[in-house]
Amino acid sequence: MSIQRRRWRFTGRVQGVGFRYFATCAARRLGLTGWVANNWDGSVTLEAQGDPGQLERLVPMIEQTCRWGRIEGMTVRNLPPEEHEYGFEERSGD
């Protein structure tokens, strides 16, 4: 199994609606590691790593469960995997 890491930046109604909570639940359910954090500009950054198929399922799962939020814009890029990461956490942001 190959491990991949991706970073997303979400804009829209993604703060104050439970977005980080639902992202964390989805990532853990999919067996992914990484983190999610609010940004000062109202966006949210999420980094996750794991099986590529599970990474593909992450954003749709967040959109289905976070009913009060709305992703209006999204960028994604691949990153090198982090070797010693064992869980998924919410961070307070910048």
N, C-alpha and C. Protein backbone atom coordinates (compact mmCIF):
# COMPACT_ATOMS: atom_id res chain seq x y z
N MET A 1 0.85 -1.19 0.00
CA MET A 1 0.00 0.00 0.00
C MET A 1 0.89 1.24 0.00
N SER A 2 0.63 2.15 -0.88
CA SER A 2 1.38 3.40 -0.92
C SER A 2 0.64 4.46 -0.10
N ILE A 3 1.39 5.22 0.64
CA ILE A 3 0.83 6.29 1.47
C ILE A 3 1.02 7.61 0.75
N GLN A 4 -0.03 8.42 0.71
CA GLN A 4 0.05 9.75 0.13
C GLN A 4 -0.36 10.77 1.19
N ARG A 5 0.09 12.00 1.00
CA ARG A 5 -0.29 13.11 1.88
C ARG A 5 -0.78 14.25 1.01
N ARG A 6 -1.87 14.88 1.45
CA ARG A 6 -2.44 16.01 0.71
C ARG A 6 -2.77 17.14 1.67
N ARG A 7 -2.69 18.36 1.14
CA ARG A 7 -3.11 19.55 1.89
C ARG A 7 -4.22 20.23 1.11
N TRP A 8 -5.33 20.46 1.81
CA TRP A 8 -6.46 21.19 1.25
C TRP A 8 -6.58 22.53 1.95
N ARG A 9 -7.04 23.52 1.22
CA ARG A 9 -7.44 24.81 1.79
C ARG A 9 -8.85 25.05 1.31
N PHE A 10 -9.77 25.15 2.28
CA PHE A 10 -11.19 25.32 1.99
C PHE A 10 -11.62 26.74 2.29
N THR A 11 -12.44 27.31 1.40
CA THR A 11 -13.07 28.61 1.65
C THR A 11 -14.58 28.43 1.55
N GLY A 12 -15.29 29.40 2.05
CA GLY A 12 -16.74 29.34 2.09
C GLY A 12 -17.21 29.47 3.53
N ARG A 13 -18.32 28.83 3.84
CA ARG A 13 -18.81 28.82 5.22
C ARG A 13 -18.22 27.61 5.92
N VAL A 14 -16.97 27.75 6.37
CA VAL A 14 -16.22 26.62 6.92
C VAL A 14 -15.71 26.87 8.35
N GLN A 15 -16.01 28.03 8.91
CA GLN A 15 -15.66 28.30 10.31
C GLN A 15 -16.94 28.59 11.08
N GLY A 16 -16.98 28.10 12.32
CA GLY A 16 -18.15 28.34 13.17
C GLY A 16 -19.32 27.44 12.85
N VAL A 17 -19.09 26.38 12.08
CA VAL A 17 -20.18 25.47 11.69
C VAL A 17 -19.85 24.01 12.00
N GLY A 18 -18.80 23.77 12.76
CA GLY A 18 -18.40 22.41 13.10
C GLY A 18 -17.55 21.73 12.05
N PHE A 19 -17.02 22.49 11.11
CA PHE A 19 -16.26 21.91 10.01
C PHE A 19 -15.06 21.10 10.50
N ARG A 20 -14.29 21.66 11.43
CA ARG A 20 -13.12 20.92 11.94
C ARG A 20 -13.53 19.63 12.64
N TYR A 21 -14.61 19.69 13.40
CA TYR A 21 -15.11 18.50 14.10
C TYR A 21 -15.47 17.41 13.09
N PHE A 22 -16.27 17.76 12.08
CA PHE A 22 -16.70 16.77 11.10
C PHE A 22 -15.53 16.27 10.25
N ALA A 23 -14.57 17.14 9.97
CA ALA A 23 -13.37 16.72 9.22
C ALA A 23 -12.57 15.72 10.04
N THR A 24 -12.43 15.99 11.33
CA THR A 24 -11.70 15.08 12.21
C THR A 24 -12.40 13.73 12.29
N CYS A 25 -13.71 13.74 12.48
CA CYS A 25 -14.47 12.47 12.54
C CYS A 25 -14.33 11.68 11.25
N ALA A 26 -14.43 12.36 10.11
CA ALA A 26 -14.32 11.68 8.81
C ALA A 26 -12.92 11.10 8.62
N ALA A 27 -11.90 11.87 8.92
CA ALA A 27 -10.53 11.40 8.75
C ALA A 27 -10.25 10.18 9.62
N ARG A 28 -10.69 10.24 10.86
CA ARG A 28 -10.47 9.10 11.76
C ARG A 28 -11.23 7.88 11.29
N ARG A 29 -12.45 8.09 10.83
CA ARG A 29 -13.26 6.97 10.32
C ARG A 29 -12.59 6.30 9.12
N LEU A 30 -11.92 7.10 8.30
CA LEU A 30 -11.25 6.58 7.11
C LEU A 30 -9.84 6.06 7.41
N GLY A 31 -9.39 6.18 8.65
CA GLY A 31 -8.06 5.70 9.03
C GLY A 31 -6.93 6.58 8.57
N LEU A 32 -7.20 7.88 8.43
CA LEU A 32 -6.19 8.83 7.97
C LEU A 32 -5.52 9.50 9.16
N THR A 33 -4.31 9.99 8.95
CA THR A 33 -3.62 10.78 9.96
C THR A 33 -3.48 12.20 9.44
N GLY A 34 -3.20 13.14 10.35
CA GLY A 34 -3.00 14.53 9.94
C GLY A 34 -3.61 15.51 10.90
N TRP A 35 -4.07 16.64 10.36
CA TRP A 35 -4.61 17.71 11.20
C TRP A 35 -5.51 18.63 10.37
N VAL A 36 -6.32 19.41 11.09
CA VAL A 36 -7.19 20.42 10.48
C VAL A 36 -7.16 21.66 11.37
N ALA A 37 -7.13 22.86 10.76
CA ALA A 37 -7.03 24.10 11.54
C ALA A 37 -7.73 25.25 10.82
N ASN A 38 -8.31 26.16 11.61
CA ASN A 38 -8.85 27.40 11.08
C ASN A 38 -7.70 28.35 10.75
N ASN A 39 -7.90 29.18 9.75
CA ASN A 39 -6.94 30.21 9.37
C ASN A 39 -7.53 31.58 9.69
N TRP A 40 -6.67 32.57 9.86
CA TRP A 40 -7.10 33.92 10.23
C TRP A 40 -8.03 34.54 9.20
N ASP A 41 -7.93 34.11 7.94
CA ASP A 41 -8.73 34.72 6.87
C ASP A 41 -10.10 34.07 6.69
N GLY A 42 -10.47 33.15 7.58
CA GLY A 42 -11.78 32.50 7.48
C GLY A 42 -11.75 31.19 6.74
N SER A 43 -10.61 30.82 6.20
CA SER A 43 -10.49 29.53 5.51
C SER A 43 -10.07 28.45 6.51
N VAL A 44 -10.05 27.22 6.05
CA VAL A 44 -9.62 26.08 6.87
C VAL A 44 -8.57 25.30 6.07
N THR A 45 -7.49 24.91 6.74
CA THR A 45 -6.47 24.06 6.14
C THR A 45 -6.57 22.68 6.74
N LEU A 46 -6.46 21.67 5.90
CA LEU A 46 -6.51 20.28 6.32
C LEU A 46 -5.37 19.53 5.65
N GLU A 47 -4.59 18.82 6.43
CA GLU A 47 -3.57 17.92 5.89
C GLU A 47 -3.91 16.51 6.33
N ALA A 48 -3.91 15.59 5.39
CA ALA A 48 -4.21 14.20 5.72
C ALA A 48 -3.32 13.29 4.90
N GLN A 49 -3.02 12.13 5.49
CA GLN A 49 -2.25 11.14 4.76
C GLN A 49 -2.81 9.76 5.05
N GLY A 50 -2.61 8.90 4.05
CA GLY A 50 -3.07 7.53 4.15
C GLY A 50 -3.24 6.93 2.77
N ASP A 51 -4.09 5.94 2.69
CA ASP A 51 -4.39 5.26 1.44
C ASP A 51 -5.02 6.24 0.45
N PRO A 52 -4.56 6.28 -0.80
CA PRO A 52 -5.11 7.23 -1.78
C PRO A 52 -6.63 7.12 -1.95
N GLY A 53 -7.16 5.91 -1.91
CA GLY A 53 -8.61 5.75 -2.04
C GLY A 53 -9.37 6.39 -0.90
N GLN A 54 -8.82 6.28 0.31
CA GLN A 54 -9.46 6.90 1.47
C GLN A 54 -9.34 8.42 1.41
N LEU A 55 -8.23 8.93 0.90
CA LEU A 55 -8.09 10.37 0.74
C LEU A 55 -9.14 10.91 -0.22
N GLU A 56 -9.46 10.16 -1.27
CA GLU A 56 -10.49 10.58 -2.24
C GLU A 56 -11.87 10.65 -1.60
N ARG A 57 -12.11 9.85 -0.59
CA ARG A 57 -13.41 9.81 0.07
C ARG A 57 -13.58 10.90 1.13
N LEU A 58 -12.47 11.52 1.56
CA LEU A 58 -12.51 12.44 2.69
C LEU A 58 -13.40 13.66 2.45
N VAL A 59 -13.17 14.42 1.41
CA VAL A 59 -13.93 15.66 1.18
C VAL A 59 -15.42 15.37 0.98
N PRO A 60 -15.81 14.38 0.15
CA PRO A 60 -17.24 14.09 0.04
C PRO A 60 -17.89 13.71 1.38
N MET A 61 -17.14 13.00 2.23
CA MET A 61 -17.69 12.61 3.53
C MET A 61 -17.88 13.85 4.41
N ILE A 62 -16.94 14.78 4.38
CA ILE A 62 -17.09 16.02 5.16
C ILE A 62 -18.30 16.79 4.66
N GLU A 63 -18.45 16.92 3.35
CA GLU A 63 -19.58 17.66 2.78
C GLU A 63 -20.92 17.04 3.15
N GLN A 64 -20.98 15.72 3.23
CA GLN A 64 -22.23 15.05 3.57
C GLN A 64 -22.60 15.23 5.04
N THR A 65 -21.61 15.27 5.92
CA THR A 65 -21.91 15.30 7.35
C THR A 65 -21.98 16.71 7.94
N CYS A 66 -21.25 17.65 7.39
CA CYS A 66 -21.25 19.03 7.90
C CYS A 66 -22.33 19.83 7.17
N ARG A 67 -23.56 19.65 7.59
CA ARG A 67 -24.70 20.22 6.88
C ARG A 67 -24.79 21.75 6.99
N TRP A 68 -24.20 22.34 8.03
CA TRP A 68 -24.28 23.79 8.21
C TRP A 68 -23.17 24.50 7.45
N GLY A 69 -22.17 23.77 7.03
CA GLY A 69 -21.06 24.37 6.29
C GLY A 69 -21.29 24.30 4.80
N ARG A 70 -20.47 25.05 4.10
CA ARG A 70 -20.55 25.02 2.64
C ARG A 70 -19.17 25.35 2.08
N ILE A 71 -18.60 24.40 1.36
CA ILE A 71 -17.32 24.63 0.69
C ILE A 71 -17.60 25.34 -0.62
N GLU A 72 -17.05 26.54 -0.76
CA GLU A 72 -17.23 27.31 -2.00
C GLU A 72 -15.98 27.29 -2.87
N GLY A 73 -14.84 27.09 -2.25
CA GLY A 73 -13.58 27.02 -2.98
C GLY A 73 -12.66 26.03 -2.30
N MET A 74 -11.80 25.40 -3.10
CA MET A 74 -10.91 24.39 -2.54
C MET A 74 -9.67 24.30 -3.42
N THR A 75 -8.51 24.30 -2.76
CA THR A 75 -7.26 23.98 -3.46
C THR A 75 -6.69 22.75 -2.79
N VAL A 76 -5.99 21.95 -3.55
CA VAL A 76 -5.38 20.73 -3.00
C VAL A 76 -4.02 20.55 -3.65
N ARG A 77 -3.07 20.09 -2.84
CA ARG A 77 -1.76 19.77 -3.39
C ARG A 77 -1.18 18.58 -2.65
N ASN A 78 -0.34 17.86 -3.33
CA ASN A 78 0.31 16.69 -2.74
C ASN A 78 1.56 17.13 -1.99
N LEU A 79 1.82 16.44 -0.89
CA LEU A 79 3.00 16.70 -0.06
C LEU A 79 3.72 15.39 0.18
N PRO A 80 4.98 15.45 0.60
CA PRO A 80 5.65 14.21 0.99
C PRO A 80 5.03 13.67 2.28
N PRO A 81 4.90 12.36 2.42
CA PRO A 81 4.34 11.80 3.64
C PRO A 81 5.21 12.11 4.86
N GLU A 82 4.56 12.24 6.01
CA GLU A 82 5.26 12.43 7.29
C GLU A 82 5.45 11.05 7.90
N GLU A 83 6.67 10.75 8.27
CA GLU A 83 7.02 9.41 8.69
C GLU A 83 6.42 8.99 10.03
N HIS A 84 6.43 9.87 11.01
CA HIS A 84 6.00 9.47 12.36
C HIS A 84 4.75 10.23 12.78
N GLU A 85 3.66 9.98 12.10
CA GLU A 85 2.38 10.60 12.44
C GLU A 85 1.39 9.48 12.71
N TYR A 86 0.73 9.54 13.86
CA TYR A 86 -0.07 8.39 14.26
C TYR A 86 -1.54 8.67 14.50
N GLY A 87 -1.98 9.90 14.37
CA GLY A 87 -3.38 10.21 14.63
C GLY A 87 -3.83 11.40 13.81
N PHE A 88 -5.05 11.83 14.05
CA PHE A 88 -5.60 13.00 13.39
C PHE A 88 -6.11 13.95 14.48
N GLU A 89 -5.75 15.24 14.37
CA GLU A 89 -6.10 16.18 15.42
C GLU A 89 -6.64 17.50 14.87
N GLU A 90 -7.42 18.17 15.71
CA GLU A 90 -7.84 19.53 15.44
C GLU A 90 -6.79 20.44 16.03
N ARG A 91 -6.39 21.44 15.27
CA ARG A 91 -5.45 22.45 15.78
C ARG A 91 -6.21 23.76 15.91
N SER A 92 -5.70 24.63 16.76
CA SER A 92 -6.38 25.90 17.01
C SER A 92 -6.24 26.88 15.86
N GLY A 93 -5.27 26.70 14.99
CA GLY A 93 -5.12 27.56 13.83
C GLY A 93 -4.13 28.69 14.07
N ASP A 94 -4.06 29.60 13.10
CA ASP A 94 -3.08 30.69 13.22
C ASP A 94 -3.73 31.99 13.58
